[in-house]
Amino acid sequence: MRSKAEEGREVLRNRARQAREQASDWVDRGRDVLNQQKEQFRSAYEAGRQAYHETTAAEGGGSKNL
């Protein structure tokens, strides 16, 4: 009887460990996706800013800092 209880505890420990590892993996993946999206947004923003600067400079309108 005692060995069955110990075996059950061990199974629960293993499942809890696996659940923690899986949750940690999901958090890491989510963080990676978020960082990629932030970098894409920064790149798009900078490209738009540069295009605006080049357009206004070419038109002789002077350049304003954005």
PDB file of N, CA and C in Angstrom:
ATOM      1  N   MET A   1       0.822  -1.185   0.000  1.00  0.00           N
ATOM      2  CA  MET A   1       0.000   0.000   0.000  1.00  0.00           C
ATOM      3  C   MET A   1       0.872   1.258   0.000  1.00  0.00           C
ATOM      4  N   ARG A   2       1.887   1.230   0.822  1.00  0.00           N
ATOM      5  CA  ARG A   2       2.768   2.383   0.924  1.00  0.00           C
ATOM      6  C   ARG A   2       3.494   2.639  -0.403  1.00  0.00           C
ATOM      7  N   SER A   3       3.935   1.585  -1.064  1.00  0.00           N
ATOM      8  CA  SER A   3       4.642   1.755  -2.332  1.00  0.00           C
ATOM      9  C   SER A   3       3.727   2.336  -3.402  1.00  0.00           C
ATOM     10  N   LYS A   4       2.460   1.994  -3.374  1.00  0.00           N
ATOM     11  CA  LYS A   4       1.510   2.565  -4.343  1.00  0.00           C
ATOM     12  C   LYS A   4       1.355   4.062  -4.106  1.00  0.00           C
ATOM     13  N   ALA A   5       1.300   4.461  -2.843  1.00  0.00           N
ATOM     14  CA  ALA A   5       1.180   5.882  -2.514  1.00  0.00           C
ATOM     15  C   ALA A   5       2.427   6.635  -2.969  1.00  0.00           C
ATOM     16  N   GLU A   6       3.591   6.070  -2.728  1.00  0.00           N
ATOM     17  CA  GLU A   6       4.841   6.701  -3.162  1.00  0.00           C
ATOM     18  C   GLU A   6       4.909   6.771  -4.679  1.00  0.00           C
ATOM     19  N   GLU A   7       4.461   5.718  -5.315  1.00  0.00           N
ATOM     20  CA  GLU A   7       4.442   5.696  -6.780  1.00  0.00           C
ATOM     21  C   GLU A   7       3.504   6.784  -7.311  1.00  0.00           C
ATOM     22  N   GLY A   8       2.354   6.938  -6.679  1.00  0.00           N
ATOM     23  CA  GLY A   8       1.404   7.977  -7.082  1.00  0.00           C
ATOM     24  C   GLY A   8       1.986   9.368  -6.900  1.00  0.00           C
ATOM     25  N   ARG A   9       2.685   9.591  -5.794  1.00  0.00           N
ATOM     26  CA  ARG A   9       3.323  10.893  -5.560  1.00  0.00           C
ATOM     27  C   ARG A   9       4.374  11.178  -6.622  1.00  0.00           C
ATOM     28  N   GLU A  10       5.135  10.170  -6.973  1.00  0.00           N
ATOM     29  CA  GLU A  10       6.176  10.340  -7.989  1.00  0.00           C
ATOM     30  C   GLU A  10       5.562  10.695  -9.347  1.00  0.00           C
ATOM     31  N   VAL A  11       4.469  10.030  -9.683  1.00  0.00           N
ATOM     32  CA  VAL A  11       3.776  10.328 -10.940  1.00  0.00           C
ATOM     33  C   VAL A  11       3.298  11.777 -10.931  1.00  0.00           C
ATOM     34  N   LEU A  12       2.726  12.209  -9.814  1.00  0.00           N
ATOM     35  CA  LEU A  12       2.254  13.593  -9.712  1.00  0.00           C
ATOM     36  C   LEU A  12       3.403  14.584  -9.802  1.00  0.00           C
ATOM     37  N   ARG A  13       4.521  14.274  -9.167  1.00  0.00           N
ATOM     38  CA  ARG A  13       5.701  15.154  -9.257  1.00  0.00           C
ATOM     39  C   ARG A  13       6.166  15.288 -10.704  1.00  0.00           C
ATOM     40  N   ASN A  14       6.223  14.166 -11.401  1.00  0.00           N
ATOM     41  CA  ASN A  14       6.661  14.194 -12.799  1.00  0.00           C
ATOM     42  C   ASN A  14       5.712  15.014 -13.663  1.00  0.00           C
ATOM     43  N   ARG A  15       4.430  14.829 -13.451  1.00  0.00           N
ATOM     44  CA  ARG A  15       3.452  15.591 -14.240  1.00  0.00           C
ATOM     45  C   ARG A  15       3.536  17.077 -13.931  1.00  0.00           C
ATOM     46  N   ALA A  16       3.725  17.423 -12.672  1.00  0.00           N
ATOM     47  CA  ALA A  16       3.858  18.832 -12.290  1.00  0.00           C
ATOM     48  C   ALA A  16       5.107  19.437 -12.921  1.00  0.00           C
ATOM     49  N   ARG A  17       6.204  18.691 -12.913  1.00  0.00           N
ATOM     50  CA  ARG A  17       7.445  19.173 -13.529  1.00  0.00           C
ATOM     51  C   ARG A  17       7.250  19.387 -15.026  1.00  0.00           C
ATOM     52  N   GLN A  18       6.603  18.438 -15.684  1.00  0.00           N
ATOM     53  CA  GLN A  18       6.348  18.567 -17.119  1.00  0.00           C
ATOM     54  C   GLN A  18       5.463  19.770 -17.406  1.00  0.00           C
ATOM     55  N   ALA A  19       4.465  19.999 -16.569  1.00  0.00           N
ATOM     56  CA  ALA A  19       3.571  21.142 -16.762  1.00  0.00           C
ATOM     57  C   ALA A  19       4.346  22.447 -16.604  1.00  0.00           C
ATOM     58  N   ARG A  20       5.234  22.524 -15.615  1.00  0.00           N
ATOM     59  CA  ARG A  20       6.049  23.733 -15.421  1.00  0.00           C
ATOM     60  C   ARG A  20       6.953  23.976 -16.621  1.00  0.00           C
ATOM     61  N   GLU A  21       7.577  22.914 -17.108  1.00  0.00           N
ATOM     62  CA  GLU A  21       8.463  23.046 -18.267  1.00  0.00           C
ATOM     63  C   GLU A  21       7.694  23.506 -19.494  1.00  0.00           C
ATOM     64  N   GLN A  22       6.512  22.946 -19.697  1.00  0.00           N
ATOM     65  CA  GLN A  22       5.707  23.323 -20.852  1.00  0.00           C
ATOM     66  C   GLN A  22       5.256  24.776 -20.735  1.00  0.00           C
ATOM     67  N   ALA A  23       4.842  25.198 -19.551  1.00  0.00           N
ATOM     68  CA  ALA A  23       4.429  26.588 -19.348  1.00  0.00           C
ATOM     69  C   ALA A  23       5.604  27.524 -19.590  1.00  0.00           C
ATOM     70  N   SER A  24       6.769  27.143 -19.134  1.00  0.00           N
ATOM     71  CA  SER A  24       7.968  27.954 -19.351  1.00  0.00           C
ATOM     72  C   SER A  24       8.281  28.066 -20.844  1.00  0.00           C
ATOM     73  N   ASP A  25       8.145  26.971 -21.568  1.00  0.00           N
ATOM     74  CA  ASP A  25       8.365  26.994 -23.020  1.00  0.00           C
ATOM     75  C   ASP A  25       7.383  27.934 -23.705  1.00  0.00           C
ATOM     76  N   TRP A  26       6.119  27.887 -23.293  1.00  0.00           N
ATOM     77  CA  TRP A  26       5.111  28.767 -23.889  1.00  0.00           C
ATOM     78  C   TRP A  26       5.428  30.231 -23.612  1.00  0.00           C
ATOM     79  N   VAL A  27       5.868  30.524 -22.409  1.00  0.00           N
ATOM     80  CA  VAL A  27       6.229  31.906 -22.062  1.00  0.00           C
ATOM     81  C   VAL A  27       7.404  32.362 -22.921  1.00  0.00           C
ATOM     82  N   ASP A  28       8.403  31.509 -23.072  1.00  0.00           N
ATOM     83  CA  ASP A  28       9.563  31.859 -23.893  1.00  0.00           C
ATOM     84  C   ASP A  28       9.163  32.096 -25.340  1.00  0.00           C
ATOM     85  N   ARG A  29       8.308  31.237 -25.874  1.00  0.00           N
ATOM     86  CA  ARG A  29       7.855  31.415 -27.263  1.00  0.00           C
ATOM     87  C   ARG A  29       7.061  32.705 -27.416  1.00  0.00           C
ATOM     88  N   GLY A  30       6.199  32.980 -26.460  1.00  0.00           N
ATOM     89  CA  GLY A  30       5.419  34.217 -26.504  1.00  0.00           C
ATOM     90  C   GLY A  30       6.315  35.435 -26.460  1.00  0.00           C
ATOM     91  N   ARG A  31       7.336  35.387 -25.619  1.00  0.00           N
ATOM     92  CA  ARG A  31       8.283  36.498 -25.514  1.00  0.00           C
ATOM     93  C   ARG A  31       9.025  36.689 -26.836  1.00  0.00           C
ATOM     94  N   ASP A  32       9.433  35.593 -27.466  1.00  0.00           N
ATOM     95  CA  ASP A  32      10.127  35.673 -28.753  1.00  0.00           C
ATOM     96  C   ASP A  32       9.237  36.296 -29.822  1.00  0.00           C
ATOM     97  N   VAL A  33       7.984  35.877 -29.882  1.00  0.00           N
ATOM     98  CA  VAL A  33       7.046  36.426 -30.867  1.00  0.00           C
ATOM     99  C   VAL A  33       6.851  37.918 -30.623  1.00  0.00           C
ATOM    100  N   LEU A  34       6.676  38.301 -29.378  1.00  0.00           N
ATOM    101  CA  LEU A  34       6.488  39.710 -29.044  1.00  0.00           C
ATOM    102  C   LEU A  34       7.707  40.533 -29.446  1.00  0.00           C
ATOM    103  N   ASN A  35       8.894  40.035 -29.167  1.00  0.00           N
ATOM    104  CA  ASN A  35      10.110  40.757 -29.546  1.00  0.00           C
ATOM    105  C   ASN A  35      10.242  40.887 -31.059  1.00  0.00           C
ATOM    106  N   GLN A  36       9.870  39.851 -31.796  1.00  0.00           N
ATOM    107  CA  GLN A  36       9.913  39.926 -33.257  1.00  0.00           C
ATOM    108  C   GLN A  36       8.941  40.981 -33.771  1.00  0.00           C
ATOM    109  N   GLN A  37       7.743  41.020 -33.204  1.00  0.00           N
ATOM    110  CA  GLN A  37       6.750  41.996 -33.640  1.00  0.00           C
ATOM    111  C   GLN A  37       7.202  43.413 -33.305  1.00  0.00           C
ATOM    112  N   LYS A  38       7.798  43.599 -32.136  1.00  0.00           N
ATOM    113  CA  LYS A  38       8.296  44.921 -31.767  1.00  0.00           C
ATOM    114  C   LYS A  38       9.386  45.370 -32.730  1.00  0.00           C
ATOM    115  N   GLU A  39      10.275  44.452 -33.095  1.00  0.00           N
ATOM    116  CA  GLU A  39      11.351  44.798 -34.022  1.00  0.00           C
ATOM    117  C   GLU A  39      10.797  45.134 -35.407  1.00  0.00           C
ATOM    118  N   GLN A  40       9.792  44.390 -35.864  1.00  0.00           N
ATOM    119  CA  GLN A  40       9.175  44.692 -37.153  1.00  0.00           C
ATOM    120  C   GLN A  40       8.512  46.064 -37.118  1.00  0.00           C
ATOM    121  N   PHE A  41       7.853  46.386 -36.021  1.00  0.00           N
ATOM    122  CA  PHE A  41       7.212  47.690 -35.890  1.00  0.00           C
ATOM    123  C   PHE A  41       8.261  48.798 -35.904  1.00  0.00           C
ATOM    124  N   ARG A  42       9.344  48.614 -35.165  1.00  0.00           N
ATOM    125  CA  ARG A  42      10.414  49.623 -35.150  1.00  0.00           C
ATOM    126  C   ARG A  42      10.982  49.831 -36.548  1.00  0.00           C
ATOM    127  N   SER A  43      11.214  48.743 -37.262  1.00  0.00           N
ATOM    128  CA  SER A  43      11.766  48.840 -38.615  1.00  0.00           C
ATOM    129  C   SER A  43      10.813  49.577 -39.541  1.00  0.00           C
ATOM    130  N   ALA A  44       9.530  49.252 -39.458  1.00  0.00           N
ATOM    131  CA  ALA A  44       8.540  49.925 -40.303  1.00  0.00           C
ATOM    132  C   ALA A  44       8.449  51.400 -39.945  1.00  0.00           C
ATOM    133  N   TYR A  45       8.474  51.716 -38.665  1.00  0.00           N
ATOM    134  CA  TYR A  45       8.415  53.107 -38.217  1.00  0.00           C
ATOM    135  C   TYR A  45       9.622  53.886 -38.732  1.00  0.00           C
ATOM    136  N   GLU A  46      10.805  53.303 -38.584  1.00  0.00           N
ATOM    137  CA  GLU A  46      12.017  53.987 -39.040  1.00  0.00           C
ATOM    138  C   GLU A  46      12.027  54.150 -40.561  1.00  0.00           C
ATOM    139  N   ALA A  47      11.539  53.158 -41.290  1.00  0.00           N
ATOM    140  CA  ALA A  47      11.477  53.270 -42.751  1.00  0.00           C
ATOM    141  C   ALA A  47      10.520  54.383 -43.152  1.00  0.00           C
ATOM    142  N   GLY A  48       9.377  54.464 -42.495  1.00  0.00           N
ATOM    143  CA  GLY A  48       8.427  55.537 -42.779  1.00  0.00           C
ATOM    144  C   GLY A  48       8.986  56.895 -42.419  1.00  0.00           C
ATOM    145  N   ARG A  49       9.658  56.971 -41.314  1.00  0.00           N
ATOM    146  CA  ARG A  49      10.269  58.232 -40.878  1.00  0.00           C
ATOM    147  C   ARG A  49      11.333  58.683 -41.879  1.00  0.00           C
ATOM    148  N   GLN A  50      12.163  57.741 -42.317  1.00  0.00           N
ATOM    149  CA  GLN A  50      13.203  58.064 -43.292  1.00  0.00           C
ATOM    150  C   GLN A  50      12.590  58.499 -44.623  1.00  0.00           C
ATOM    151  N   ALA A  51      11.556  57.805 -45.069  1.00  0.00           N
ATOM    152  CA  ALA A  51      10.897  58.171 -46.327  1.00  0.00           C
ATOM    153  C   ALA A  51      10.288  59.564 -46.224  1.00  0.00           C
ATOM    154  N   TYR A  52       9.667  59.884 -45.104  1.00  0.00           N
ATOM    155  CA  TYR A  52       9.089  61.216 -44.903  1.00  0.00           C
ATOM    156  C   TYR A  52      10.190  62.270 -44.926  1.00  0.00           C
ATOM    157  N   HIS A  53      11.282  61.993 -44.243  1.00  0.00           N
ATOM    158  CA  HIS A  53      12.398  62.930 -44.196  1.00  0.00           C
ATOM    159  C   HIS A  53      12.955  63.173 -45.599  1.00  0.00           C
ATOM    160  N   GLU A  54      13.149  62.099 -46.361  1.00  0.00           N
ATOM    161  CA  GLU A  54      13.681  62.237 -47.717  1.00  0.00           C
ATOM    162  C   GLU A  54      12.715  62.996 -48.616  1.00  0.00           C
ATOM    163  N   THR A  55      11.425  62.752 -48.471  1.00  0.00           N
ATOM    164  CA  THR A  55      10.423  63.429 -49.292  1.00  0.00           C
ATOM    165  C   THR A  55      10.373  64.911 -48.972  1.00  0.00           C
ATOM    166  N   THR A  56      10.342  65.261 -47.712  1.00  0.00           N
ATOM    167  CA  THR A  56      10.262  66.678 -47.346  1.00  0.00           C
ATOM    168  C   THR A  56      11.556  67.397 -47.676  1.00  0.00           C
ATOM    169  N   ALA A  57      12.700  66.733 -47.564  1.00  0.00           N
ATOM    170  CA  ALA A  57      13.973  67.355 -47.906  1.00  0.00           C
ATOM    171  C   ALA A  57      14.059  67.578 -49.414  1.00  0.00           C
ATOM    172  N   ALA A  58      13.544  66.640 -50.201  1.00  0.00           N
ATOM    173  CA  ALA A  58      13.581  66.758 -51.655  1.00  0.00           C
ATOM    174  C   ALA A  58      12.660  67.869 -52.140  1.00  0.00           C
ATOM    175  N   GLU A  59      11.586  68.125 -51.411  1.00  0.00           N
ATOM    176  CA  GLU A  59      10.645  69.168 -51.792  1.00  0.00           C
ATOM    177  C   GLU A  59      11.106  70.541 -51.326  1.00  0.00           C
ATOM    178  N   GLY A  60      12.180  70.582 -50.584  1.00  0.00           N
ATOM    179  CA  GLY A  60      12.697  71.849 -50.102  1.00  0.00           C
ATOM    180  C   GLY A  60      11.938  72.386 -48.911  1.00  0.00           C
ATOM    181  N   GLY A  61      11.141  71.568 -48.309  1.00  0.00           N
ATOM    182  CA  GLY A  61      10.347  72.000 -47.171  1.00  0.00           C
ATOM    183  C   GLY A  61      11.118  71.993 -45.871  1.00  0.00           C
ATOM    184  N   GLY A  62      12.367  71.681 -45.950  1.00  0.00           N
ATOM    185  CA  GLY A  62      13.137  71.591 -44.718  1.00  0.00           C
ATOM    186  C   GLY A  62      12.823  70.296 -44.009  1.00  0.00           C
ATOM    187  N   SER A  63      13.626  69.988 -43.080  1.00  0.00           N
ATOM    188  CA  SER A  63      13.372  68.741 -42.355  1.00  0.00           C
ATOM    189  C   SER A  63      13.015  69.054 -40.924  1.00  0.00           C
ATOM    190  N   LYS A  64      12.011  68.374 -40.471  1.00  0.00           N
ATOM    191  CA  LYS A  64      11.597  68.501 -39.081  1.00  0.00           C
ATOM    192  C   LYS A  64      11.972  67.212 -38.386  1.00  0.00           C
ATOM    193  N   ASN A  65      12.383  67.349 -37.173  1.00  0.00           N
ATOM    194  CA  ASN A  65      12.656  66.137 -36.398  1.00  0.00           C
ATOM    195  C   ASN A  65      11.356  65.512 -35.964  1.00  0.00           C
ATOM    196  N   LEU A  66      11.224  64.225 -36.215  1.00  0.00           N
ATOM    197  CA  LEU A  66      10.026  63.500 -35.768  1.00  0.00           C
ATOM    198  C   LEU A  66      10.319  62.763 -34.505  1.00  0.00           C
TER     199      LEU A  66
END
